[in-house]
Amino acid sequence: MPDRVLLRRAGRAAASAVAAGSLVAAGAVPASAAPAGDRPPRTTKGPCRYTETPDEPAVRKVPLPPDPRRTPTRRVSAVLETDHGDIGLTLDPAKAPCTVQSFVHLVRHRFYDATSCHRLTAYDRLKVLQCGDPSFTGEGGPGYRYKDELPTDLPPWPGDSTGARKTYARGVLAMANAGPDTNGSQFFLVYGDSGLLPNYTVFGTVDAAGLAALDRIAAGGIQPAPEGPTPPVDGRPVLPVDIDDARVRR
């Protein structure tokens, strides 16, 4: 199986990376890219340094998130209301404070409401549902990026003699990206243990009801692509996955 990355696609280059196999969220500008226009992109002054991406404007306009000066540690409960049932999430700011802050910010600004999850994978080493792009293209984002908060405690992937690949276990919630420090709005939910390089920020977990919903979605299969393998292993889910409402539980 190709080493499929959870990428947000960044134009043709990312499309090539996706074809080679990865978890990409297309459309993010690399952290080193020069901004468009004369005005430098706005960046928050706290530790997260949320930074505008003028070359990749927001699919839905949202302000930059507030940048917490103190690292929050209290876990946050959230829910994605879908047409396959509620997917409950537990967000862990102790592991990924900037990611949780951004995700909650986008939820509260209704960025994820009335969106559809655009990608389902069924590789031996990659079993995820990818969501978070209101454009449903894999190229959309919130108009800003922020730093990685990469996991250091993931177990090794069985059979990987190099030790480089780690286990993103069933039930993990993590961010898709388009390279280092290009996190935006796209995220993935792991419905089956997946072996990946630890290049994706883990920021929470999926509850039992949510995993049951993911199992139903995965069982529905993946839409075939021209000249793609049979059965398909990467593409849009056969059963549309609509996030009707996303909210933070009090």
Protein backbone atom coordinates (compact mmCIF):
# COMPACT_ATOMS: atom_id res chain seq x y z
CA MET A 1 0.00 0.00 0.00
CA PRO A 2 1.27 3.49 -0.72
CA ASP A 3 2.07 5.53 2.37
CA ARG A 4 -1.12 7.55 2.25
CA VAL A 5 -0.82 10.89 4.06
CA LEU A 6 -3.72 12.77 5.60
CA LEU A 7 -3.20 15.88 3.57
CA ARG A 8 -5.13 18.93 2.81
CA ARG A 9 -4.28 19.10 -0.86
CA ALA A 10 -2.18 22.07 -1.93
CA GLY A 11 -2.92 22.31 -5.62
CA ARG A 12 -1.21 19.94 -8.03
CA ALA A 13 1.72 19.23 -5.76
CA ALA A 14 -0.59 17.96 -3.06
CA ALA A 15 -2.65 16.04 -5.53
CA SER A 16 0.54 14.20 -6.47
CA ALA A 17 1.26 13.56 -2.81
CA VAL A 18 -2.23 12.18 -2.36
CA ALA A 19 -1.74 9.91 -5.34
CA ALA A 20 1.47 8.71 -3.71
CA GLY A 21 -0.44 8.08 -0.51
CA SER A 22 -0.83 10.41 2.49
CA LEU A 23 -3.20 12.28 4.82
CA VAL A 24 -3.24 15.66 3.23
CA ALA A 25 -5.47 18.63 3.63
CA ALA A 26 -5.14 20.38 0.35
CA GLY A 27 -4.86 24.06 -0.08
CA ALA A 28 -2.65 25.09 2.82
CA VAL A 29 0.25 27.42 2.17
CA PRO A 30 3.57 26.08 3.43
CA ALA A 31 4.77 27.95 6.49
CA SER A 32 7.67 29.39 4.52
CA ALA A 33 5.56 30.72 1.66
CA ALA A 34 5.49 34.47 1.06
CA PRO A 35 2.09 36.10 1.52
CA ALA A 36 0.22 37.68 -1.34
CA GLY A 37 0.03 41.47 -1.47
CA ASP A 38 2.00 44.07 0.44
CA ARG A 39 0.57 43.63 3.92
CA PRO A 40 2.21 40.88 5.96
CA PRO A 41 -0.26 38.31 7.27
CA ARG A 42 -1.63 38.94 10.73
CA THR A 43 -0.31 36.62 13.42
CA THR A 44 -1.56 36.29 16.97
CA LYS A 45 0.95 37.16 19.68
CA GLY A 46 0.52 34.18 21.97
CA PRO A 47 2.30 30.81 21.83
CA CYS A 48 0.04 29.37 19.11
CA ARG A 49 0.84 32.11 16.58
CA TYR A 50 -2.24 31.62 14.42
CA THR A 51 -1.27 33.16 11.08
CA GLU A 52 -3.43 34.36 8.21
CA THR A 53 -2.97 32.65 4.84
CA PRO A 54 -3.80 35.37 2.26
CA ASP A 55 -2.97 33.04 -0.62
CA GLU A 56 -5.52 30.54 0.71
CA PRO A 57 -8.53 32.57 1.89
CA ALA A 58 -11.15 31.07 4.15
CA VAL A 59 -13.91 28.99 2.62
CA ARG A 60 -16.10 30.52 5.32
CA LYS A 61 -14.85 33.72 6.84
CA VAL A 62 -13.82 33.43 10.48
CA PRO A 63 -11.54 35.60 12.63
CA LEU A 64 -8.23 34.34 13.95
CA PRO A 65 -8.70 32.33 17.14
CA PRO A 66 -7.80 33.88 20.48
CA ASP A 67 -4.32 32.77 21.49
CA PRO A 68 -4.30 31.33 25.04
CA ARG A 69 -1.47 32.68 27.14
CA ARG A 70 -1.84 29.84 29.60
CA THR A 71 -2.05 26.25 28.46
CA PRO A 72 -5.56 24.93 29.20
CA THR A 73 -5.68 21.44 30.65
CA ARG A 74 -9.37 20.76 31.13
CA ARG A 75 -10.80 18.32 28.61
CA VAL A 76 -13.58 19.53 26.32
CA SER A 77 -16.56 17.56 25.04
CA ALA A 78 -17.90 18.21 21.55
CA VAL A 79 -20.34 16.51 19.20
CA LEU A 80 -20.77 16.29 15.46
CA GLU A 81 -24.43 15.75 14.62
CA THR A 82 -24.49 13.74 11.40
CA ASP A 83 -27.09 11.92 9.34
CA HIS A 84 -25.53 8.68 10.66
CA GLY A 85 -25.91 9.64 14.31
CA ASP A 86 -23.97 11.76 16.77
CA ILE A 87 -20.19 11.47 16.83
CA GLY A 88 -19.05 12.44 20.29
CA LEU A 89 -15.55 13.84 20.73
CA THR A 90 -13.33 14.36 23.75
CA LEU A 91 -10.73 17.06 23.08
CA ASP A 92 -7.46 17.01 25.02
CA PRO A 93 -5.89 20.48 25.37
CA ALA A 94 -3.13 19.12 27.60
CA LYS A 95 -1.72 17.33 24.54
CA ALA A 96 -2.60 19.88 21.85
CA PRO A 97 -3.73 23.22 23.31
CA CYS A 98 -3.46 25.24 20.11
CA THR A 99 -5.31 22.62 18.09
CA VAL A 100 -8.14 22.32 20.61
CA GLN A 101 -8.40 26.12 20.84
CA SER A 102 -8.71 26.38 17.06
CA PHE A 103 -11.19 23.51 16.74
CA VAL A 104 -13.46 24.93 19.45
CA HIS A 105 -13.19 28.37 17.84
CA LEU A 106 -14.31 26.99 14.48
CA VAL A 107 -17.16 25.05 16.08
CA ARG A 108 -18.39 28.17 17.88
CA HIS A 109 -18.25 30.15 14.63
CA ARG A 110 -20.32 27.40 12.95
CA PHE A 111 -17.57 26.69 10.43
CA TYR A 112 -18.35 22.97 10.37
CA ASP A 113 -22.15 23.24 10.26
CA ALA A 114 -23.82 22.01 7.07
CA THR A 115 -20.61 20.47 5.72
CA SER A 116 -19.86 17.02 4.31
CA CYS A 117 -16.93 14.70 4.95
CA HIS A 118 -15.10 14.41 1.64
CA ARG A 119 -12.79 11.43 2.05
CA LEU A 120 -12.95 7.84 3.27
CA THR A 121 -9.98 5.46 3.11
CA ALA A 122 -9.79 1.68 3.46
CA TYR A 123 -6.11 0.83 3.03
CA ASP A 124 -4.56 -1.87 5.17
CA ARG A 125 -2.62 0.83 7.00
CA LEU A 126 -5.01 3.75 6.73
CA LYS A 127 -8.66 3.62 7.78
CA VAL A 128 -10.02 7.11 8.31
CA LEU A 129 -12.86 9.50 7.54
CA GLN A 130 -11.62 12.99 6.69
CA CYS A 131 -13.81 16.05 7.27
CA GLY A 132 -13.62 19.78 7.94
CA ASP A 133 -13.68 21.36 4.48
CA PRO A 134 -16.89 23.27 3.70
CA SER A 135 -15.95 23.31 0.00
CA PHE A 136 -16.07 19.46 -0.12
CA THR A 137 -12.95 19.49 -2.33
CA GLY A 138 -10.18 18.68 0.16
CA GLU A 139 -8.68 22.10 -0.60
CA GLY A 140 -10.64 24.37 1.74
CA GLY A 141 -9.62 25.83 5.07
CA PRO A 142 -10.27 28.62 7.59
CA GLY A 143 -7.88 31.21 6.15
CA TYR A 144 -5.20 30.65 8.78
CA ARG A 145 -2.62 28.07 9.79
CA TYR A 146 -0.85 27.17 13.01
CA LYS A 147 1.93 25.01 14.38
CA ASP A 148 2.06 21.25 14.79
CA GLU A 149 1.70 19.65 18.22
CA LEU A 150 2.95 16.22 17.25
CA PRO A 151 2.46 13.13 19.40
CA THR A 152 5.45 11.57 21.12
CA ASP A 153 3.73 8.66 22.87
CA LEU A 154 2.20 6.63 20.04
CA PRO A 155 3.03 2.91 20.01
CA PRO A 156 5.06 1.51 17.11
CA TRP A 157 3.25 0.09 14.11
CA PRO A 158 3.54 -3.73 14.19
CA GLY A 159 5.95 -5.10 11.63
CA ASP A 160 7.69 -1.80 10.89
CA SER A 161 11.36 -2.68 11.41
CA THR A 162 12.43 0.96 11.04
CA GLY A 163 10.37 2.10 14.01
CA ALA A 164 9.37 5.23 12.10
CA ARG A 165 5.73 4.36 11.58
CA LYS A 166 3.41 4.70 14.59
CA THR A 167 -0.06 3.43 15.40
CA TYR A 168 -2.88 5.93 15.15
CA ALA A 169 -5.36 3.70 16.96
CA ARG A 170 -9.05 3.25 16.32
CA GLY A 171 -10.87 6.15 17.94
CA VAL A 172 -8.14 8.75 17.49
CA LEU A 173 -9.04 12.28 16.35
CA ALA A 174 -6.22 14.08 14.54
CA MET A 175 -5.49 16.95 12.17
CA ALA A 176 -4.86 16.64 8.45
CA ASN A 177 -2.21 18.96 7.03
CA ALA A 178 -0.29 19.94 3.92
CA GLY A 179 3.16 19.74 5.48
CA PRO A 180 4.82 21.01 8.66
CA ASP A 181 2.92 23.69 10.58
CA THR A 182 0.03 23.98 8.11
CA ASN A 183 -2.87 22.90 10.33
CA GLY A 184 -6.18 24.52 9.44
CA SER A 185 -9.69 23.09 9.71
CA GLN A 186 -9.51 19.59 8.22
CA PHE A 187 -9.36 16.64 10.59
CA PHE A 188 -9.65 12.87 10.43
CA LEU A 189 -11.39 10.25 12.54
CA VAL A 190 -9.68 6.86 12.73
CA TYR A 191 -12.12 3.92 12.51
CA GLY A 192 -9.42 1.24 12.23
CA ASP A 193 -5.83 1.11 13.51
CA SER A 194 -3.62 2.97 11.03
CA GLY A 195 0.16 3.02 10.57
CA LEU A 196 1.49 6.50 9.86
CA LEU A 197 4.55 8.60 10.38
CA PRO A 198 3.82 10.72 13.49
CA ASN A 199 3.31 13.87 11.42
CA TYR A 200 -0.30 14.52 12.43
CA THR A 201 -1.42 16.25 15.61
CA VAL A 202 -3.60 14.06 17.84
CA PHE A 203 -6.06 16.22 19.77
CA GLY A 204 -8.80 13.93 21.00
CA THR A 205 -10.80 10.74 20.79
CA VAL A 206 -14.12 9.49 19.38
CA ASP A 207 -16.74 7.95 21.65
CA ALA A 208 -18.35 4.51 21.24
CA ALA A 209 -21.48 5.84 19.52
CA GLY A 210 -19.31 7.81 17.12
CA LEU A 211 -17.24 4.75 16.30
CA ALA A 212 -20.43 2.80 15.58
CA ALA A 213 -21.44 5.57 13.16
CA LEU A 214 -17.99 5.44 11.52
CA ASP A 215 -18.31 1.66 11.14
CA ARG A 216 -21.64 2.09 9.33
CA ILE A 217 -20.11 4.70 7.03
CA ALA A 218 -17.08 2.52 6.30
CA ALA A 219 -19.28 -0.51 5.61
CA GLY A 220 -21.07 1.50 2.94
CA GLY A 221 -17.88 1.63 0.90
CA ILE A 222 -16.07 4.20 -1.23
CA GLN A 223 -17.15 5.69 -4.55
CA PRO A 224 -15.09 4.23 -7.43
CA ALA A 225 -12.72 6.46 -9.34
CA PRO A 226 -11.78 6.14 -13.02
CA GLU A 227 -8.87 3.73 -13.38
CA GLY A 228 -8.86 3.19 -9.62
CA PRO A 229 -8.55 -0.14 -7.84
CA THR A 230 -11.48 -2.47 -7.26
CA PRO A 231 -12.77 -2.32 -4.63
CA PRO A 232 -11.96 1.39 -4.11
CA VAL A 233 -9.73 2.26 -1.16
CA ASP A 234 -9.71 6.07 -1.22
CA GLY A 235 -12.34 8.60 -2.20
CA ARG A 236 -15.72 9.96 -1.30
CA PRO A 237 -17.88 7.71 0.87
CA VAL A 238 -20.78 5.99 -0.87
CA LEU A 239 -23.00 7.02 2.04
CA PRO A 240 -22.87 10.82 2.21
CA VAL A 241 -21.69 12.04 5.60
CA ASP A 242 -23.26 15.40 6.40
CA ILE A 243 -22.34 17.28 9.56
CA ASP A 244 -25.59 19.10 10.26
CA ASP A 245 -24.36 20.77 13.43
CA ALA A 246 -21.14 20.82 15.45
CA ARG A 247 -21.19 22.06 19.00
CA VAL A 248 -19.21 22.15 22.21
CA ARG A 249 -20.99 20.54 25.13
CA ARG A 250 -21.16 22.61 28.29
